[in-house]
Amino acid sequence: MSVEALLMAHELIDQATSICVLSGAGLSTDSGIPDFRGPNGLWTTDPGAEMLSSYDAYVTSPDVRKSAWQHRLHSPL
């Protein structure tokens, strides 16, 4: 990356009122945030969490739908 491009990026970011970053898998892991599929990932240690993120599981399993709605009910979001 050229210095000119870096300065242009800095100016754009400095003037922005909001920023959205779209990144690929691996960036969060390298930053210390646990991944979903790794040996200590959320879906490995809690398979039910993976089911809650699956559309097919949601539409085919009443238990998954109940869990999803319970999660929404008690989520701080």
PDB file of N, CA and C in Angstrom:
ATOM      1  N   MET A   1       0.861  -1.177   0.000  1.00  0.00           N
ATOM      2  CA  MET A   1       0.000   0.000   0.000  1.00  0.00           C
ATOM      3  C   MET A   1       0.899   1.229   0.000  1.00  0.00           C
ATOM      4  N   SER A   2       0.566   2.169  -0.840  1.00  0.00           N
ATOM      5  CA  SER A   2       1.368   3.388  -0.936  1.00  0.00           C
ATOM      6  C   SER A   2       1.034   4.338   0.215  1.00  0.00           C
ATOM      7  N   VAL A   3       1.954   5.238   0.460  1.00  0.00           N
ATOM      8  CA  VAL A   3       1.740   6.250   1.494  1.00  0.00           C
ATOM      9  C   VAL A   3       0.537   7.120   1.123  1.00  0.00           C
ATOM     10  N   GLU A   4       0.405   7.406  -0.171  1.00  0.00           N
ATOM     11  CA  GLU A   4      -0.721   8.222  -0.639  1.00  0.00           C
ATOM     12  C   GLU A   4      -2.065   7.538  -0.345  1.00  0.00           C
ATOM     13  N   ALA A   5      -2.141   6.243  -0.600  1.00  0.00           N
ATOM     14  CA  ALA A   5      -3.373   5.494  -0.331  1.00  0.00           C
ATOM     15  C   ALA A   5      -3.653   5.449   1.166  1.00  0.00           C
ATOM     16  N   LEU A   6      -2.619   5.300   1.955  1.00  0.00           N
ATOM     17  CA  LEU A   6      -2.784   5.267   3.412  1.00  0.00           C
ATOM     18  C   LEU A   6      -3.282   6.611   3.929  1.00  0.00           C
ATOM     19  N   LEU A   7      -2.736   7.693   3.413  1.00  0.00           N
ATOM     20  CA  LEU A   7      -3.203   9.024   3.825  1.00  0.00           C
ATOM     21  C   LEU A   7      -4.649   9.260   3.406  1.00  0.00           C
ATOM     22  N   MET A   8      -5.021   8.780   2.208  1.00  0.00           N
ATOM     23  CA  MET A   8      -6.399   8.918   1.741  1.00  0.00           C
ATOM     24  C   MET A   8      -7.350   8.131   2.647  1.00  0.00           C
ATOM     25  N   ALA A   9      -6.962   6.917   3.016  1.00  0.00           N
ATOM     26  CA  ALA A   9      -7.781   6.096   3.918  1.00  0.00           C
ATOM     27  C   ALA A   9      -7.921   6.791   5.270  1.00  0.00           C
ATOM     28  N   HIS A  10      -6.821   7.347   5.777  1.00  0.00           N
ATOM     29  CA  HIS A  10      -6.859   8.052   7.059  1.00  0.00           C
ATOM     30  C   HIS A  10      -7.833   9.218   7.001  1.00  0.00           C
ATOM     31  N   GLU A  11      -7.799   9.961   5.925  1.00  0.00           N
ATOM     32  CA  GLU A  11      -8.698  11.111   5.770  1.00  0.00           C
ATOM     33  C   GLU A  11     -10.164  10.663   5.711  1.00  0.00           C
ATOM     34  N   LEU A  12     -10.434   9.605   4.956  1.00  0.00           N
ATOM     35  CA  LEU A  12     -11.806   9.102   4.866  1.00  0.00           C
ATOM     36  C   LEU A  12     -12.323   8.638   6.230  1.00  0.00           C
ATOM     37  N   ILE A  13     -11.496   7.934   6.950  1.00  0.00           N
ATOM     38  CA  ILE A  13     -11.900   7.443   8.279  1.00  0.00           C
ATOM     39  C   ILE A  13     -12.093   8.612   9.238  1.00  0.00           C
ATOM     40  N   ASP A  14     -11.195   9.588   9.171  1.00  0.00           N
ATOM     41  CA  ASP A  14     -11.262  10.741  10.071  1.00  0.00           C
ATOM     42  C   ASP A  14     -12.536  11.546   9.848  1.00  0.00           C
ATOM     43  N   GLN A  15     -13.024  11.602   8.600  1.00  0.00           N
ATOM     44  CA  GLN A  15     -14.212  12.380   8.287  1.00  0.00           C
ATOM     45  C   GLN A  15     -15.509  11.587   8.430  1.00  0.00           C
ATOM     46  N   ALA A  16     -15.412  10.303   8.597  1.00  0.00           N
ATOM     47  CA  ALA A  16     -16.607   9.461   8.634  1.00  0.00           C
ATOM     48  C   ALA A  16     -17.397   9.669   9.926  1.00  0.00           C
ATOM     49  N   THR A  17     -18.705   9.554   9.824  1.00  0.00           N
ATOM     50  CA  THR A  17     -19.552   9.613  11.016  1.00  0.00           C
ATOM     51  C   THR A  17     -19.868   8.206  11.536  1.00  0.00           C
ATOM     52  N   SER A  18     -19.699   7.215  10.676  1.00  0.00           N
ATOM     53  CA  SER A  18     -19.833   5.819  11.099  1.00  0.00           C
ATOM     54  C   SER A  18     -18.993   4.957  10.160  1.00  0.00           C
ATOM     55  N   ILE A  19     -18.564   3.814  10.674  1.00  0.00           N
ATOM     56  CA  ILE A  19     -17.704   2.919   9.913  1.00  0.00           C
ATOM     57  C   ILE A  19     -18.206   1.499  10.088  1.00  0.00           C
ATOM     58  N   CYS A  20     -18.218   0.747   9.010  1.00  0.00           N
ATOM     59  CA  CYS A  20     -18.567  -0.666   9.040  1.00  0.00           C
ATOM     60  C   CYS A  20     -17.412  -1.448   8.425  1.00  0.00           C
ATOM     61  N   VAL A  21     -16.949  -2.469   9.123  1.00  0.00           N
ATOM     62  CA  VAL A  21     -15.851  -3.287   8.623  1.00  0.00           C
ATOM     63  C   VAL A  21     -16.375  -4.683   8.345  1.00  0.00           C
ATOM     64  N   LEU A  22     -16.204  -5.145   7.121  1.00  0.00           N
ATOM     65  CA  LEU A  22     -16.561  -6.507   6.747  1.00  0.00           C
ATOM     66  C   LEU A  22     -15.258  -7.284   6.649  1.00  0.00           C
ATOM     67  N   SER A  23     -15.122  -8.275   7.504  1.00  0.00           N
ATOM     68  CA  SER A  23     -13.871  -9.041   7.505  1.00  0.00           C
ATOM     69  C   SER A  23     -14.168 -10.523   7.325  1.00  0.00           C
ATOM     70  N   GLY A  24     -13.172 -11.250   6.958  1.00  0.00           N
ATOM     71  CA  GLY A  24     -13.331 -12.687   6.779  1.00  0.00           C
ATOM     72  C   GLY A  24     -13.040 -13.439   8.054  1.00  0.00           C
ATOM     73  N   ALA A  25     -13.296 -14.731   8.005  1.00  0.00           N
ATOM     74  CA  ALA A  25     -13.026 -15.588   9.156  1.00  0.00           C
ATOM     75  C   ALA A  25     -11.539 -15.563   9.463  1.00  0.00           C
ATOM     76  N   GLY A  26     -11.225 -15.629  10.725  1.00  0.00           N
ATOM     77  CA  GLY A  26      -9.832 -15.663  11.148  1.00  0.00           C
ATOM     78  C   GLY A  26      -9.363 -14.371  11.775  1.00  0.00           C
ATOM     79  N   LEU A  27      -9.951 -13.253  11.381  1.00  0.00           N
ATOM     80  CA  LEU A  27      -9.530 -11.979  11.946  1.00  0.00           C
ATOM     81  C   LEU A  27      -9.827 -11.924  13.437  1.00  0.00           C
ATOM     82  N   SER A  28     -11.008 -12.356  13.831  1.00  0.00           N
ATOM     83  CA  SER A  28     -11.353 -12.317  15.258  1.00  0.00           C
ATOM     84  C   SER A  28     -10.484 -13.303  16.048  1.00  0.00           C
ATOM     85  N   THR A  29     -10.213 -14.471  15.481  1.00  0.00           N
ATOM     86  CA  THR A  29      -9.388 -15.466  16.181  1.00  0.00           C
ATOM     87  C   THR A  29      -7.994 -14.908  16.426  1.00  0.00           C
ATOM     88  N   ASP A  30      -7.406 -14.286  15.410  1.00  0.00           N
ATOM     89  CA  ASP A  30      -6.081 -13.684  15.569  1.00  0.00           C
ATOM     90  C   ASP A  30      -6.089 -12.546  16.585  1.00  0.00           C
ATOM     91  N   SER A  31      -7.261 -11.960  16.815  1.00  0.00           N
ATOM     92  CA  SER A  31      -7.378 -10.872  17.785  1.00  0.00           C
ATOM     93  C   SER A  31      -7.662 -11.376  19.202  1.00  0.00           C
ATOM     94  N   GLY A  32      -7.805 -12.695  19.348  1.00  0.00           N
ATOM     95  CA  GLY A  32      -8.047 -13.264  20.665  1.00  0.00           C
ATOM     96  C   GLY A  32      -9.503 -13.567  20.958  1.00  0.00           C
ATOM     97  N   ILE A  33     -10.384 -13.357  19.994  1.00  0.00           N
ATOM     98  CA  ILE A  33     -11.801 -13.669  20.178  1.00  0.00           C
ATOM     99  C   ILE A  33     -12.012 -15.119  19.752  1.00  0.00           C
ATOM    100  N   PRO A  34     -12.575 -15.969  20.608  1.00  0.00           N
ATOM    101  CA  PRO A  34     -12.748 -17.381  20.251  1.00  0.00           C
ATOM    102  C   PRO A  34     -13.615 -17.550  19.003  1.00  0.00           C
ATOM    103  N   ASP A  35     -13.247 -18.538  18.189  1.00  0.00           N
ATOM    104  CA  ASP A  35     -14.034 -18.802  16.991  1.00  0.00           C
ATOM    105  C   ASP A  35     -15.204 -19.724  17.325  1.00  0.00           C
ATOM    106  N   PHE A  36     -16.004 -20.041  16.315  1.00  0.00           N
ATOM    107  CA  PHE A  36     -17.163 -20.900  16.513  1.00  0.00           C
ATOM    108  C   PHE A  36     -16.825 -22.376  16.330  1.00  0.00           C
ATOM    109  N   ARG A  37     -15.965 -22.696  15.350  1.00  0.00           N
ATOM    110  CA  ARG A  37     -15.765 -24.085  14.957  1.00  0.00           C
ATOM    111  C   ARG A  37     -14.491 -24.728  15.480  1.00  0.00           C
ATOM    112  N   GLY A  38     -13.604 -23.988  16.082  1.00  0.00           N
ATOM    113  CA  GLY A  38     -12.323 -24.535  16.539  1.00  0.00           C
ATOM    114  C   GLY A  38     -12.486 -25.477  17.718  1.00  0.00           C
ATOM    115  N   PRO A  39     -11.373 -26.036  18.193  1.00  0.00           N
ATOM    116  CA  PRO A  39     -11.434 -27.012  19.286  1.00  0.00           C
ATOM    117  C   PRO A  39     -12.052 -26.466  20.576  1.00  0.00           C
ATOM    118  N   ASN A  40     -11.901 -25.171  20.807  1.00  0.00           N
ATOM    119  CA  ASN A  40     -12.512 -24.546  21.989  1.00  0.00           C
ATOM    120  C   ASN A  40     -13.612 -23.572  21.594  1.00  0.00           C
ATOM    121  N   GLY A  41     -14.092 -23.697  20.362  1.00  0.00           N
ATOM    122  CA  GLY A  41     -15.104 -22.783  19.855  1.00  0.00           C
ATOM    123  C   GLY A  41     -16.465 -23.002  20.482  1.00  0.00           C
ATOM    124  N   LEU A  42     -17.310 -22.007  20.340  1.00  0.00           N
ATOM    125  CA  LEU A  42     -18.654 -22.040  20.925  1.00  0.00           C
ATOM    126  C   LEU A  42     -19.445 -23.244  20.436  1.00  0.00           C
ATOM    127  N   TRP A  43     -19.390 -23.531  19.122  1.00  0.00           N
ATOM    128  CA  TRP A  43     -20.186 -24.634  18.584  1.00  0.00           C
ATOM    129  C   TRP A  43     -19.618 -25.981  18.984  1.00  0.00           C
ATOM    130  N   THR A  44     -18.330 -26.037  19.284  1.00  0.00           N
ATOM    131  CA  THR A  44     -17.715 -27.293  19.727  1.00  0.00           C
ATOM    132  C   THR A  44     -18.069 -27.567  21.182  1.00  0.00           C
ATOM    133  N   THR A  45     -17.993 -26.526  21.998  1.00  0.00           N
ATOM    134  CA  THR A  45     -18.256 -26.716  23.425  1.00  0.00           C
ATOM    135  C   THR A  45     -19.745 -26.681  23.756  1.00  0.00           C
ATOM    136  N   ASP A  46     -20.552 -26.081  22.873  1.00  0.00           N
ATOM    137  CA  ASP A  46     -22.000 -26.008  23.093  1.00  0.00           C
ATOM    138  C   ASP A  46     -22.727 -26.262  21.774  1.00  0.00           C
ATOM    139  N   PRO A  47     -22.914 -27.538  21.403  1.00  0.00           N
ATOM    140  CA  PRO A  47     -23.563 -27.850  20.124  1.00  0.00           C
ATOM    141  C   PRO A  47     -24.956 -27.230  19.974  1.00  0.00           C
ATOM    142  N   GLY A  48     -25.628 -26.981  21.073  1.00  0.00           N
ATOM    143  CA  GLY A  48     -26.938 -26.343  21.010  1.00  0.00           C
ATOM    144  C   GLY A  48     -26.867 -24.942  20.435  1.00  0.00           C
ATOM    145  N   ALA A  49     -25.758 -24.257  20.661  1.00  0.00           N
ATOM    146  CA  ALA A  49     -25.586 -22.912  20.109  1.00  0.00           C
ATOM    147  C   ALA A  49     -25.525 -22.958  18.590  1.00  0.00           C
ATOM    148  N   GLU A  50     -24.893 -23.986  18.047  1.00  0.00           N
ATOM    149  CA  GLU A  50     -24.849 -24.133  16.592  1.00  0.00           C
ATOM    150  C   GLU A  50     -26.249 -24.381  16.044  1.00  0.00           C
ATOM    151  N   MET A  51     -27.023 -25.173  16.741  1.00  0.00           N
ATOM    152  CA  MET A  51     -28.389 -25.452  16.296  1.00  0.00           C
ATOM    153  C   MET A  51     -29.224 -24.175  16.248  1.00  0.00           C
ATOM    154  N   LEU A  52     -28.989 -23.255  17.188  1.00  0.00           N
ATOM    155  CA  LEU A  52     -29.739 -21.998  17.217  1.00  0.00           C
ATOM    156  C   LEU A  52     -29.408 -21.097  16.027  1.00  0.00           C
ATOM    157  N   SER A  53     -28.272 -21.347  15.383  1.00  0.00           N
ATOM    158  CA  SER A  53     -27.900 -20.518  14.237  1.00  0.00           C
ATOM    159  C   SER A  53     -28.215 -21.184  12.899  1.00  0.00           C
ATOM    160  N   SER A  54     -28.836 -22.338  12.945  1.00  0.00           N
ATOM    161  CA  SER A  54     -29.146 -23.081  11.725  1.00  0.00           C
ATOM    162  C   SER A  54     -30.609 -22.876  11.323  1.00  0.00           C
ATOM    163  N   TYR A  55     -30.823 -22.358  10.123  1.00  0.00           N
ATOM    164  CA  TYR A  55     -32.186 -22.154   9.636  1.00  0.00           C
ATOM    165  C   TYR A  55     -32.930 -23.489   9.537  1.00  0.00           C
ATOM    166  N   ASP A  56     -32.251 -24.497   8.986  1.00  0.00           N
ATOM    167  CA  ASP A  56     -32.897 -25.807   8.838  1.00  0.00           C
ATOM    168  C   ASP A  56     -33.317 -26.373  10.194  1.00  0.00           C
ATOM    169  N   ALA A  57     -32.444 -26.248  11.184  1.00  0.00           N
ATOM    170  CA  ALA A  57     -32.795 -26.739  12.518  1.00  0.00           C
ATOM    171  C   ALA A  57     -33.971 -25.939  13.084  1.00  0.00           C
ATOM    172  N   TYR A  58     -33.972 -24.639  12.829  1.00  0.00           N
ATOM    173  CA  TYR A  58     -35.038 -23.774  13.344  1.00  0.00           C
ATOM    174  C   TYR A  58     -36.399 -24.179  12.781  1.00  0.00           C
ATOM    175  N   VAL A  59     -36.470 -24.416  11.479  1.00  0.00           N
ATOM    176  CA  VAL A  59     -37.773 -24.706  10.881  1.00  0.00           C
ATOM    177  C   VAL A  59     -38.220 -26.152  11.078  1.00  0.00           C
ATOM    178  N   THR A  60     -37.292 -27.049  11.414  1.00  0.00           N
ATOM    179  CA  THR A  60     -37.676 -28.455  11.564  1.00  0.00           C
ATOM    180  C   THR A  60     -37.810 -28.908  13.014  1.00  0.00           C
ATOM    181  N   SER A  61     -37.305 -28.108  13.955  1.00  0.00           N
ATOM    182  CA  SER A  61     -37.314 -28.554  15.350  1.00  0.00           C
ATOM    183  C   SER A  61     -38.051 -27.577  16.261  1.00  0.00           C
ATOM    184  N   PRO A  62     -39.173 -28.006  16.824  1.00  0.00           N
ATOM    185  CA  PRO A  62     -39.876 -27.145  17.777  1.00  0.00           C
ATOM    186  C   PRO A  62     -39.001 -26.799  18.987  1.00  0.00           C
ATOM    187  N   ASP A  63     -38.153 -27.734  19.417  1.00  0.00           N
ATOM    188  CA  ASP A  63     -37.281 -27.464  20.565  1.00  0.00           C
ATOM    189  C   ASP A  63     -36.274 -26.356  20.263  1.00  0.00           C
ATOM    190  N   VAL A  64     -35.739 -26.356  19.060  1.00  0.00           N
ATOM    191  CA  VAL A  64     -34.797 -25.302  18.672  1.00  0.00           C
ATOM    192  C   VAL A  64     -35.522 -23.955  18.621  1.00  0.00           C
ATOM    193  N   ARG A  65     -36.732 -23.930  18.083  1.00  0.00           N
ATOM    194  CA  ARG A  65     -37.496 -22.674  18.040  1.00  0.00           C
ATOM    195  C   ARG A  65     -37.789 -22.170  19.451  1.00  0.00           C
ATOM    196  N   LYS A  66     -38.178 -23.059  20.344  1.00  0.00           N
ATOM    197  CA  LYS A  66     -38.447 -22.654  21.733  1.00  0.00           C
ATOM    198  C   LYS A  66     -37.191 -22.085  22.378  1.00  0.00           C
ATOM    199  N   SER A  67     -36.058 -22.763  22.164  1.00  0.00           N
ATOM    200  CA  SER A  67     -34.794 -22.273  22.726  1.00  0.00           C
ATOM    201  C   SER A  67     -34.432 -20.912  22.148  1.00  0.00           C
ATOM    202  N   ALA A  68     -34.643 -20.740  20.841  1.00  0.00           N
ATOM    203  CA  ALA A  68     -34.325 -19.463  20.202  1.00  0.00           C
ATOM    204  C   ALA A  68     -35.161 -18.334  20.795  1.00  0.00           C
ATOM    205  N   TRP A  69     -36.440 -18.583  20.978  1.00  0.00           N
ATOM    206  CA  TRP A  69     -37.302 -17.544  21.548  1.00  0.00           C
ATOM    207  C   TRP A  69     -36.970 -17.285  23.014  1.00  0.00           C
ATOM    208  N   GLN A  70     -36.624 -18.318  23.756  1.00  0.00           N
ATOM    209  CA  GLN A  70     -36.200 -18.116  25.145  1.00  0.00           C
ATOM    210  C   GLN A  70     -34.928 -17.276  25.200  1.00  0.00           C
ATOM    211  N   HIS A  71     -34.004 -17.563  24.276  1.00  0.00           N
ATOM    212  CA  HIS A  71     -32.760 -16.795  24.226  1.00  0.00           C
ATOM    213  C   HIS A  71     -33.060 -15.322  23.941  1.00  0.00           C
ATOM    214  N   ARG A  72     -33.948 -15.058  22.995  1.00  0.00           N
ATOM    215  CA  ARG A  72     -34.313 -13.671  22.688  1.00  0.00           C
ATOM    216  C   ARG A  72     -34.987 -12.989  23.883  1.00  0.00           C
ATOM    217  N   LEU A  73     -35.798 -13.743  24.594  1.00  0.00           N
ATOM    218  CA  LEU A  73     -36.505 -13.187  25.748  1.00  0.00           C
ATOM    219  C   LEU A  73     -35.544 -12.743  26.842  1.00  0.00           C
ATOM    220  N   HIS A  74     -34.484 -13.516  27.060  1.00  0.00           N
ATOM    221  CA  HIS A  74     -33.572 -13.246  28.173  1.00  0.00           C
ATOM    222  C   HIS A  74     -32.281 -12.546  27.752  1.00  0.00           C
ATOM    223  N   SER A  75     -32.136 -12.248  26.482  1.00  0.00           N
ATOM    224  CA  SER A  75     -30.919 -11.595  25.994  1.00  0.00           C
ATOM    225  C   SER A  75     -30.893 -10.135  26.405  1.00  0.00           C
ATOM    226  N   PRO A  76     -29.738  -9.620  26.808  1.00  0.00           N
ATOM    227  CA  PRO A  76     -29.656  -8.196  27.143  1.00  0.00           C
ATOM    228  C   PRO A  76     -29.788  -7.294  25.917  1.00  0.00           C
ATOM    229  N   LEU A  77     -29.710  -7.878  24.723  1.00  0.00           N
ATOM    230  CA  LEU A  77     -29.873  -7.071  23.507  1.00  0.00           C
ATOM    231  C   LEU A  77     -31.325  -6.748  23.297  1.00  0.00           C
TER     232      LEU A  77
END
